[in-house]
Amino acid sequence: MPRLLIAAGLLLVLAGILWPFLSRLPIGRLPGDILIRRQNFTFYAPITTCLLLGGAISLIMWVIRR
């Protein structure tokens, strides 16, 4: 458990350092993501992005545990 927490912390730090570069990737603006803009209201539901990231994380975890 401590190893997992340390790895998660290091990944968060790495993502924070690389955020300016990661924000330029088209992830989060995929077809199937719902964006509703009204006068004083914006609703964003990244459905496709969540499905793809969930699948990728599941595949990575399956490979690691194998």
C-alpha atoms as a PDB file:
ATOM      1  CA  MET A   1       0.000   0.000   0.000  1.00  0.00           C
ATOM      2  CA  PRO A   2       2.734   2.558   0.762  1.00  0.00           C
ATOM      3  CA  ARG A   3       4.340   1.884  -2.632  1.00  0.00           C
ATOM      4  CA  LEU A   4       1.038   2.530  -4.365  1.00  0.00           C
ATOM      5  CA  LEU A   5       0.553   5.831  -2.537  1.00  0.00           C
ATOM      6  CA  ILE A   6       4.092   6.961  -3.333  1.00  0.00           C
ATOM      7  CA  ALA A   7       3.633   6.056  -7.002  1.00  0.00           C
ATOM      8  CA  ALA A   8       0.299   7.906  -7.135  1.00  0.00           C
ATOM      9  CA  GLY A   9       1.902  10.968  -5.549  1.00  0.00           C
ATOM     10  CA  LEU A  10       4.790  10.918  -8.003  1.00  0.00           C
ATOM     11  CA  LEU A  11       2.372  10.618 -10.918  1.00  0.00           C
ATOM     12  CA  LEU A  12       0.405  13.617  -9.652  1.00  0.00           C
ATOM     13  CA  VAL A  13       3.586  15.683  -9.308  1.00  0.00           C
ATOM     14  CA  LEU A  14       4.695  14.652 -12.792  1.00  0.00           C
ATOM     15  CA  ALA A  15       1.283  15.535 -14.249  1.00  0.00           C
ATOM     16  CA  GLY A  16       1.460  18.920 -12.519  1.00  0.00           C
ATOM     17  CA  ILE A  17       4.894  19.637 -13.958  1.00  0.00           C
ATOM     18  CA  LEU A  18       3.842  18.540 -17.454  1.00  0.00           C
ATOM     19  CA  TRP A  19       0.429  20.289 -17.323  1.00  0.00           C
ATOM     20  CA  PRO A  20       1.315  23.071 -19.824  1.00  0.00           C
ATOM     21  CA  PHE A  21       2.196  20.409 -22.395  1.00  0.00           C
ATOM     22  CA  LEU A  22      -0.637  18.022 -21.496  1.00  0.00           C
ATOM     23  CA  SER A  23      -3.278  20.744 -21.837  1.00  0.00           C
ATOM     24  CA  ARG A  24      -2.420  21.111 -25.534  1.00  0.00           C
ATOM     25  CA  LEU A  25      -3.409  17.510 -26.259  1.00  0.00           C
ATOM     26  CA  PRO A  26      -6.880  17.050 -27.796  1.00  0.00           C
ATOM     27  CA  ILE A  27      -7.965  14.802 -24.919  1.00  0.00           C
ATOM     28  CA  GLY A  28     -11.110  16.285 -23.397  1.00  0.00           C
ATOM     29  CA  ARG A  29     -12.494  17.663 -26.637  1.00  0.00           C
ATOM     30  CA  LEU A  30     -13.462  14.430 -28.346  1.00  0.00           C
ATOM     31  CA  PRO A  31     -16.616  13.760 -30.364  1.00  0.00           C
ATOM     32  CA  GLY A  32     -19.205  12.441 -27.921  1.00  0.00           C
ATOM     33  CA  ASP A  33     -18.270  14.885 -25.166  1.00  0.00           C
ATOM     34  CA  ILE A  34     -21.275  17.046 -24.322  1.00  0.00           C
ATOM     35  CA  LEU A  35     -20.831  20.816 -24.145  1.00  0.00           C
ATOM     36  CA  ILE A  36     -23.810  23.095 -23.496  1.00  0.00           C
ATOM     37  CA  ARG A  37     -23.211  26.847 -23.382  1.00  0.00           C
ATOM     38  CA  ARG A  38     -25.937  29.240 -22.351  1.00  0.00           C
ATOM     39  CA  GLN A  39     -25.854  32.887 -21.382  1.00  0.00           C
ATOM     40  CA  ASN A  40     -24.505  32.498 -17.827  1.00  0.00           C
ATOM     41  CA  PHE A  41     -24.070  28.752 -17.707  1.00  0.00           C
ATOM     42  CA  THR A  42     -21.691  26.183 -19.156  1.00  0.00           C
ATOM     43  CA  PHE A  43     -22.138  22.436 -18.754  1.00  0.00           C
ATOM     44  CA  TYR A  44     -19.439  20.007 -19.878  1.00  0.00           C
ATOM     45  CA  ALA A  45     -19.749  16.210 -19.645  1.00  0.00           C
ATOM     46  CA  PRO A  46     -16.661  14.411 -21.046  1.00  0.00           C
ATOM     47  CA  ILE A  47     -18.383  11.078 -21.681  1.00  0.00           C
ATOM     48  CA  THR A  48     -16.147   9.815 -24.496  1.00  0.00           C
ATOM     49  CA  THR A  49     -12.996  11.023 -22.765  1.00  0.00           C
ATOM     50  CA  CYS A  50     -13.955   9.186 -19.561  1.00  0.00           C
ATOM     51  CA  LEU A  51     -14.677   5.977 -21.463  1.00  0.00           C
ATOM     52  CA  LEU A  52     -11.337   6.086 -23.299  1.00  0.00           C
ATOM     53  CA  LEU A  53      -9.315   6.954 -20.198  1.00  0.00           C
ATOM     54  CA  GLY A  54     -11.123   4.283 -18.154  1.00  0.00           C
ATOM     55  CA  GLY A  55     -10.381   1.684 -20.818  1.00  0.00           C
ATOM     56  CA  ALA A  56      -6.730   2.725 -21.023  1.00  0.00           C
ATOM     57  CA  ILE A  57      -6.304   2.605 -17.247  1.00  0.00           C
ATOM     58  CA  SER A  58      -8.009  -0.809 -17.091  1.00  0.00           C
ATOM     59  CA  LEU A  59      -5.707  -2.133 -19.815  1.00  0.00           C
ATOM     60  CA  ILE A  60      -2.611  -0.783 -18.046  1.00  0.00           C
ATOM     61  CA  MET A  61      -3.689  -2.287 -14.721  1.00  0.00           C
ATOM     62  CA  TRP A  62      -4.433  -5.631 -16.411  1.00  0.00           C
ATOM     63  CA  VAL A  63      -0.950  -5.684 -17.967  1.00  0.00           C
ATOM     64  CA  ILE A  64       0.721  -4.748 -14.664  1.00  0.00           C
ATOM     65  CA  ARG A  65      -1.105  -7.427 -12.665  1.00  0.00           C
ATOM     66  CA  ARG A  66      -0.440 -10.126 -15.231  1.00  0.00           C
END
